[in-house]
N, C-alpha and C. Protein backbone atom coordinates (compact mmCIF):
# COMPACT_ATOMS: atom_id res chain seq x y z
N MET A 1 0.75 -1.27 0.16
CA MET A 1 0.01 0.05 0.04
C MET A 1 0.97 1.37 -0.06
N ARG A 2 1.85 1.26 0.83
CA ARG A 2 2.79 2.48 0.75
C ARG A 2 3.45 2.63 -0.66
N ARG A 3 3.69 1.47 -1.27
CA ARG A 3 4.30 1.75 -2.46
C ARG A 3 3.35 2.40 -3.53
N TRP A 4 2.16 2.07 -3.54
CA TRP A 4 1.07 2.74 -4.31
C TRP A 4 0.93 4.14 -3.98
N SER A 5 1.20 4.73 -2.70
CA SER A 5 1.09 5.85 -2.23
C SER A 5 2.14 6.75 -2.90
N TRP A 6 3.43 6.21 -3.01
CA TRP A 6 4.56 6.81 -3.49
C TRP A 6 4.42 6.93 -4.91
N ILE A 7 3.86 5.88 -5.58
CA ILE A 7 3.81 5.75 -7.01
C ILE A 7 2.89 6.77 -7.52
N ILE A 8 1.79 7.14 -6.69
CA ILE A 8 0.82 8.22 -7.21
C ILE A 8 1.22 9.63 -6.68
N THR A 9 1.83 9.61 -5.61
CA THR A 9 2.32 10.89 -5.08
C THR A 9 3.45 11.54 -5.70
N LEU A 10 4.65 10.88 -6.25
CA LEU A 10 5.69 11.51 -6.83
C LEU A 10 5.46 12.03 -8.16
N PRO A 11 4.47 11.50 -9.20
CA PRO A 11 4.56 12.14 -10.32
C PRO A 11 3.63 13.59 -9.88
N PHE A 12 2.80 13.54 -8.89
CA PHE A 12 2.08 14.94 -8.60
C PHE A 12 2.89 15.88 -8.08
N MET A 13 3.89 15.25 -7.25
CA MET A 13 4.77 16.14 -6.76
C MET A 13 5.78 16.81 -7.74
N LEU A 14 6.28 15.92 -8.74
CA LEU A 14 7.18 16.39 -9.88
C LEU A 14 6.43 17.36 -10.79
N ILE A 15 5.06 17.40 -10.97
CA ILE A 15 4.34 18.12 -11.85
C ILE A 15 4.14 19.70 -11.04
N ALA A 16 3.97 19.57 -9.79
CA ALA A 16 3.84 20.77 -9.12
C ALA A 16 5.22 21.60 -9.05
N VAL A 17 6.15 20.89 -8.65
CA VAL A 17 7.72 21.42 -8.76
C VAL A 17 7.88 21.96 -10.12
N VAL A 18 7.68 21.23 -11.32
CA VAL A 18 7.95 21.87 -12.58
C VAL A 18 6.92 23.01 -12.82
N PHE A 19 5.77 23.12 -12.32
CA PHE A 19 4.70 24.20 -12.59
C PHE A 19 5.49 25.33 -11.77
N ALA A 20 5.79 25.20 -10.58
CA ALA A 20 6.49 26.37 -9.83
C ALA A 20 7.65 26.87 -10.54
N VAL A 21 8.44 26.14 -11.00
CA VAL A 21 9.71 26.62 -11.66
C VAL A 21 9.29 27.50 -12.88
N ASN A 22 8.45 26.88 -13.58
CA ASN A 22 8.19 27.49 -14.93
C ASN A 22 7.15 28.76 -14.73
N ASN A 23 6.55 28.85 -13.65
CA ASN A 23 5.69 30.07 -13.50
C ASN A 23 6.13 31.06 -12.15
N MET A 24 7.08 31.38 -12.19
CA MET A 24 7.54 32.39 -11.08
C MET A 24 7.15 33.87 -11.31
N GLY A 25 6.63 34.14 -12.50
CA GLY A 25 6.27 35.52 -12.76
C GLY A 25 5.21 36.02 -11.87
N PRO A 26 5.23 37.30 -11.46
CA PRO A 26 4.27 37.86 -10.67
C PRO A 26 2.93 38.02 -11.29
N VAL A 27 1.86 37.95 -10.72
CA VAL A 27 0.54 38.27 -11.07
C VAL A 27 -0.22 39.13 -10.12
N ALA A 28 -0.99 40.05 -10.53
CA ALA A 28 -1.60 40.98 -9.55
C ALA A 28 -2.79 40.45 -9.09
N LEU A 29 -3.13 40.37 -7.80
CA LEU A 29 -4.15 39.72 -7.19
C LEU A 29 -4.90 40.69 -6.48
N ASP A 30 -6.21 41.10 -6.97
CA ASP A 30 -7.02 42.02 -6.62
C ASP A 30 -8.09 41.44 -5.57
N LEU A 31 -8.00 41.90 -4.31
CA LEU A 31 -8.93 41.47 -3.25
C LEU A 31 -10.07 42.36 -3.24
N TRP A 32 -11.03 42.13 -4.17
CA TRP A 32 -12.11 43.06 -4.54
C TRP A 32 -12.73 43.86 -3.40
N PRO A 33 -13.55 43.31 -2.49
CA PRO A 33 -14.02 44.24 -1.53
C PRO A 33 -13.23 44.99 -0.71
N LEU A 34 -12.01 44.47 -0.50
CA LEU A 34 -10.99 45.47 0.04
C LEU A 34 -10.20 46.06 -1.09
N ALA A 35 -9.81 47.32 -0.78
CA ALA A 35 -9.09 47.99 -1.92
C ALA A 35 -7.39 47.43 -1.73
N ILE A 36 -7.32 46.25 -1.83
CA ILE A 36 -5.92 45.74 -1.64
C ILE A 36 -5.83 45.14 -2.97
N GLN A 37 -4.42 45.21 -3.61
CA GLN A 37 -4.03 44.55 -4.62
C GLN A 37 -2.34 44.21 -4.30
N VAL A 38 -2.37 42.76 -4.49
CA VAL A 38 -1.14 42.18 -4.20
C VAL A 38 -0.57 41.34 -5.44
N ALA A 39 1.02 41.55 -5.53
CA ALA A 39 1.51 40.90 -6.42
C ALA A 39 2.32 39.35 -5.88
N VAL A 40 1.78 38.34 -6.46
CA VAL A 40 2.15 37.21 -5.98
C VAL A 40 2.84 36.38 -7.28
N PRO A 41 3.66 35.45 -7.10
CA PRO A 41 3.99 34.65 -8.14
C PRO A 41 2.86 33.62 -8.39
N LEU A 42 2.56 33.41 -9.79
CA LEU A 42 1.48 32.57 -10.30
C LEU A 42 1.31 31.19 -9.58
N TYR A 43 2.62 30.63 -9.26
CA TYR A 43 2.55 29.31 -8.62
C TYR A 43 1.98 29.31 -7.39
N ILE A 44 2.45 30.37 -6.41
CA ILE A 44 1.87 30.46 -5.35
C ILE A 44 0.31 30.63 -5.17
N LEU A 45 -0.17 31.39 -6.12
CA LEU A 45 -1.41 31.53 -6.33
C LEU A 45 -2.18 30.27 -6.82
N VAL A 46 -1.93 29.42 -7.82
CA VAL A 46 -2.40 28.13 -7.96
C VAL A 46 -2.28 27.18 -6.99
N LEU A 47 -1.18 26.82 -6.59
CA LEU A 47 -0.90 26.08 -5.67
C LEU A 47 -1.59 26.04 -4.07
N GLY A 48 -1.48 27.39 -4.00
CA GLY A 48 -2.24 27.97 -2.68
C GLY A 48 -3.76 27.47 -2.77
N THR A 49 -4.28 27.80 -4.06
CA THR A 49 -5.90 27.51 -4.33
C THR A 49 -6.16 26.11 -4.20
N LEU A 50 -5.18 25.31 -4.86
CA LEU A 50 -5.54 23.94 -4.63
C LEU A 50 -5.36 23.54 -3.14
N PHE A 51 -4.39 23.92 -2.38
CA PHE A 51 -4.45 23.64 -1.16
C PHE A 51 -5.60 24.07 -0.30
N VAL A 52 -6.19 25.18 -0.36
CA VAL A 52 -7.42 25.64 0.36
C VAL A 52 -8.38 24.69 -0.11
N GLY A 53 -8.59 24.34 -1.32
CA GLY A 53 -9.55 23.49 -1.97
C GLY A 53 -9.55 22.16 -1.26
N PHE A 54 -8.26 21.54 -0.99
CA PHE A 54 -8.28 20.33 -0.36
C PHE A 54 -8.34 20.41 1.04
N VAL A 55 -8.28 21.39 1.62
CA VAL A 55 -8.40 21.56 3.19
C VAL A 55 -9.88 21.55 3.27
N VAL A 56 -10.76 22.65 2.67
CA VAL A 56 -12.09 22.90 2.65
C VAL A 56 -12.92 21.32 2.25
N GLY A 57 -12.53 20.65 1.35
CA GLY A 57 -12.97 19.38 1.15
C GLY A 57 -12.85 18.41 2.00
N GLY A 58 -11.66 18.44 2.71
CA GLY A 58 -11.67 17.40 3.96
C GLY A 58 -12.35 17.74 5.15
N VAL A 59 -12.39 19.15 5.27
CA VAL A 59 -13.43 19.55 6.41
C VAL A 59 -14.98 19.29 6.00
N ALA A 60 -15.27 19.43 4.77
CA ALA A 60 -16.71 19.12 4.51
C ALA A 60 -16.88 17.38 4.58
N THR A 61 -15.89 16.80 4.26
CA THR A 61 -15.92 15.29 4.35
C THR A 61 -16.30 14.81 5.63
N TRP A 62 -15.37 15.35 6.41
CA TRP A 62 -15.21 15.13 8.06
C TRP A 62 -16.45 15.59 8.58
N LEU A 63 -17.18 16.67 8.33
CA LEU A 63 -18.45 17.07 8.85
C LEU A 63 -19.58 16.21 8.46
N ALA A 64 -19.60 15.86 7.17
CA ALA A 64 -20.72 15.09 6.78
C ALA A 64 -20.54 13.69 7.30
N ALA A 65 -19.32 13.17 7.63
CA ALA A 65 -19.40 11.72 8.12
C ALA A 65 -19.67 11.94 9.65
N GLY A 66 -19.87 12.78 10.23
CA GLY A 66 -20.17 13.03 11.62
C GLY A 66 -21.33 11.97 12.20
N GLY A 67 -22.47 12.03 11.32
CA GLY A 67 -23.66 11.08 11.65
C GLY A 67 -23.19 9.68 11.93
N ARG A 68 -22.35 9.04 10.80
CA ARG A 68 -21.85 7.93 10.80
C ARG A 68 -21.01 7.62 11.88
N ARG A 69 -20.29 8.66 12.25
CA ARG A 69 -19.15 8.24 13.36
C ARG A 69 -19.85 8.03 14.72
N ARG A 70 -21.11 9.04 14.75
CA ARG A 70 -21.90 8.78 16.00
C ARG A 70 -22.53 7.43 16.14
N VAL A 71 -23.04 7.05 15.00
CA VAL A 71 -23.73 5.53 14.91
C VAL A 71 -22.73 4.48 15.30
N ALA A 72 -21.44 4.81 14.71
CA ALA A 72 -20.63 3.61 14.97
C ALA A 72 -20.12 3.71 16.58
N ARG A 73 -19.92 4.93 17.12
CA ARG A 73 -19.74 4.71 18.46
C ARG A 73 -20.86 4.12 19.22
N ALA A 74 -21.95 4.34 18.94
CA ALA A 74 -23.17 3.92 19.77
C ALA A 74 -23.21 2.52 19.57
N GLU A 75 -22.84 1.93 18.29
CA GLU A 75 -22.91 0.54 18.15
C GLU A 75 -21.70 -0.20 18.92
N HIS A 76 -20.69 0.41 18.90
CA HIS A 76 -19.47 0.03 19.50
C HIS A 76 -19.82 -0.18 21.04
N LYS A 77 -20.49 0.76 21.55
CA LYS A 77 -20.82 0.90 22.86
C LYS A 77 -21.87 -0.38 23.36
N LYS A 78 -22.55 -0.77 22.40
CA LYS A 78 -23.62 -1.65 22.51
C LYS A 78 -23.03 -2.99 22.45
N VAL A 79 -22.02 -3.19 21.52
CA VAL A 79 -21.18 -4.40 21.43
C VAL A 79 -20.37 -4.65 22.64
N ARG A 80 -20.01 -3.82 23.23
CA ARG A 80 -18.91 -3.80 24.48
C ARG A 80 -19.92 -4.49 25.53
N GLN A 81 -21.20 -3.80 25.71
CA GLN A 81 -22.00 -4.12 26.52
C GLN A 81 -22.67 -5.50 26.37
N LEU A 82 -22.84 -5.95 25.34
CA LEU A 82 -23.25 -7.42 25.14
C LEU A 82 -22.17 -8.34 25.37
N GLU A 83 -20.94 -7.86 25.10
CA GLU A 83 -19.83 -8.86 25.37
C GLU A 83 -19.69 -8.95 26.90
N ARG A 84 -19.84 -7.81 27.66
CA ARG A 84 -19.87 -8.10 28.99
C ARG A 84 -21.00 -8.94 29.57
N GLN A 85 -22.18 -8.91 29.05
CA GLN A 85 -23.32 -9.72 29.38
C GLN A 85 -23.02 -11.11 28.99
N VAL A 86 -22.40 -11.28 27.97
CA VAL A 86 -22.09 -12.69 27.48
C VAL A 86 -21.00 -13.29 28.66
N SER A 87 -20.03 -12.56 28.94
CA SER A 87 -19.05 -13.07 29.80
C SER A 87 -19.52 -13.29 31.10
N THR A 88 -20.70 -12.41 31.61
CA THR A 88 -21.13 -12.74 32.88
C THR A 88 -22.02 -13.92 33.01
N LEU A 89 -22.78 -14.10 31.76
CA LEU A 89 -23.62 -15.19 31.85
C LEU A 89 -22.65 -16.52 31.62
N LYS A 90 -21.48 -16.62 31.05
CA LYS A 90 -20.67 -17.56 30.95
C LYS A 90 -20.01 -17.96 32.24
N GLN A 91 -19.46 -16.90 33.08
CA GLN A 91 -19.03 -17.22 34.46
C GLN A 91 -20.19 -17.80 35.36
N GLY A 92 -21.47 -17.27 35.22
CA GLY A 92 -22.44 -17.85 35.87
C GLY A 92 -22.76 -19.19 35.39
N ALA A 93 -22.53 -19.74 34.32
CA ALA A 93 -22.76 -20.97 33.71
C ALA A 93 -21.86 -21.91 34.29
N GLN A 94 -20.58 -21.46 34.31
CA GLN A 94 -19.41 -22.31 34.70
C GLN A 94 -19.82 -22.64 36.41
N ALA A 95 -20.11 -21.68 37.08
CA ALA A 95 -20.17 -21.70 38.51
C ALA A 95 -21.44 -22.52 38.86
N SER A 96 -22.57 -22.57 37.99
CA SER A 96 -23.74 -23.21 38.51
C SER A 96 -24.01 -24.73 37.85
N GLY A 97 -23.25 -25.05 36.57
CA GLY A 97 -23.37 -26.19 36.35
C GLY A 97 -24.08 -26.29 34.93
N PRO A 98 -24.19 -27.36 34.01
CA PRO A 98 -24.69 -27.68 32.85
C PRO A 98 -25.91 -27.29 32.74
N ALA A 99 -26.88 -27.73 33.70
CA ALA A 99 -28.55 -27.57 33.63
C ALA A 99 -28.73 -26.09 33.65
N GLU A 100 -28.20 -25.37 34.43
CA GLU A 100 -28.52 -23.92 34.51
C GLU A 100 -28.04 -23.35 33.27
N ALA A 101 -26.88 -23.66 32.64
CA ALA A 101 -26.37 -23.08 31.52
C ALA A 101 -27.20 -23.30 30.49
N ALA A 102 -27.83 -24.40 30.24
CA ALA A 102 -28.86 -24.68 29.33
C ALA A 102 -29.94 -23.77 29.25
N SER A 103 -30.58 -23.56 30.46
CA SER A 103 -31.67 -22.51 30.53
C SER A 103 -31.38 -20.97 30.50
N GLY A 104 -30.09 -20.83 30.84
CA GLY A 104 -29.47 -19.47 30.64
C GLY A 104 -29.47 -19.10 29.09
N ALA A 105 -29.14 -20.22 28.30
CA ALA A 105 -28.80 -20.06 26.82
C ALA A 105 -30.26 -19.85 26.20
N ALA A 106 -31.15 -20.46 26.81
CA ALA A 106 -32.49 -20.31 26.31
C ALA A 106 -33.27 -19.02 26.52
N ARG A 107 -32.77 -18.36 27.63
CA ARG A 107 -33.20 -17.24 27.91
C ARG A 107 -32.53 -16.06 26.88
N LEU A 108 -31.16 -16.33 26.80
CA LEU A 108 -30.59 -15.43 25.77
C LEU A 108 -31.19 -15.53 24.56
N THR A 109 -31.60 -16.71 23.99
CA THR A 109 -31.91 -16.80 22.53
C THR A 109 -33.69 -16.64 22.32
N ALA A 110 -34.28 -16.17 23.47
CA ALA A 110 -35.63 -16.19 23.56
C ALA A 110 -35.88 -14.90 22.73
N PRO A 111 -37.08 -14.95 21.91
CA PRO A 111 -37.58 -13.79 21.36
C PRO A 111 -38.04 -12.51 22.30
N GLY A 112 -37.91 -11.51 21.54
CA GLY A 112 -38.19 -10.30 22.37
C GLY A 112 -37.11 -9.70 23.26
N ARG A 113 -36.05 -10.12 23.55
CA ARG A 113 -35.12 -9.81 24.43
C ARG A 113 -33.91 -8.99 23.58
């Protein structure tokens, strides 16, 4: 998996470096509502815009997945609770014997529980 990450990342890094080297000329950036005009190299403008888009997309994805994370936490809590219940029943079955264990298993699988 790590190799695939490098195989995909390295060409993009190379393209970004070549783009930056070839586009060092200044570009006038007019920040419209404010009366500010800044001269920045074109590569900073383009790569900065890509970076900001990446961060905004990541934050939007993280926020959108909040409901699924909440459901996963609740299900994980329920699983831990059920595992504790099973271990308690197993300990009780070992202490009381096979006849009680069979009736405990029947109670566990009874509908409506």
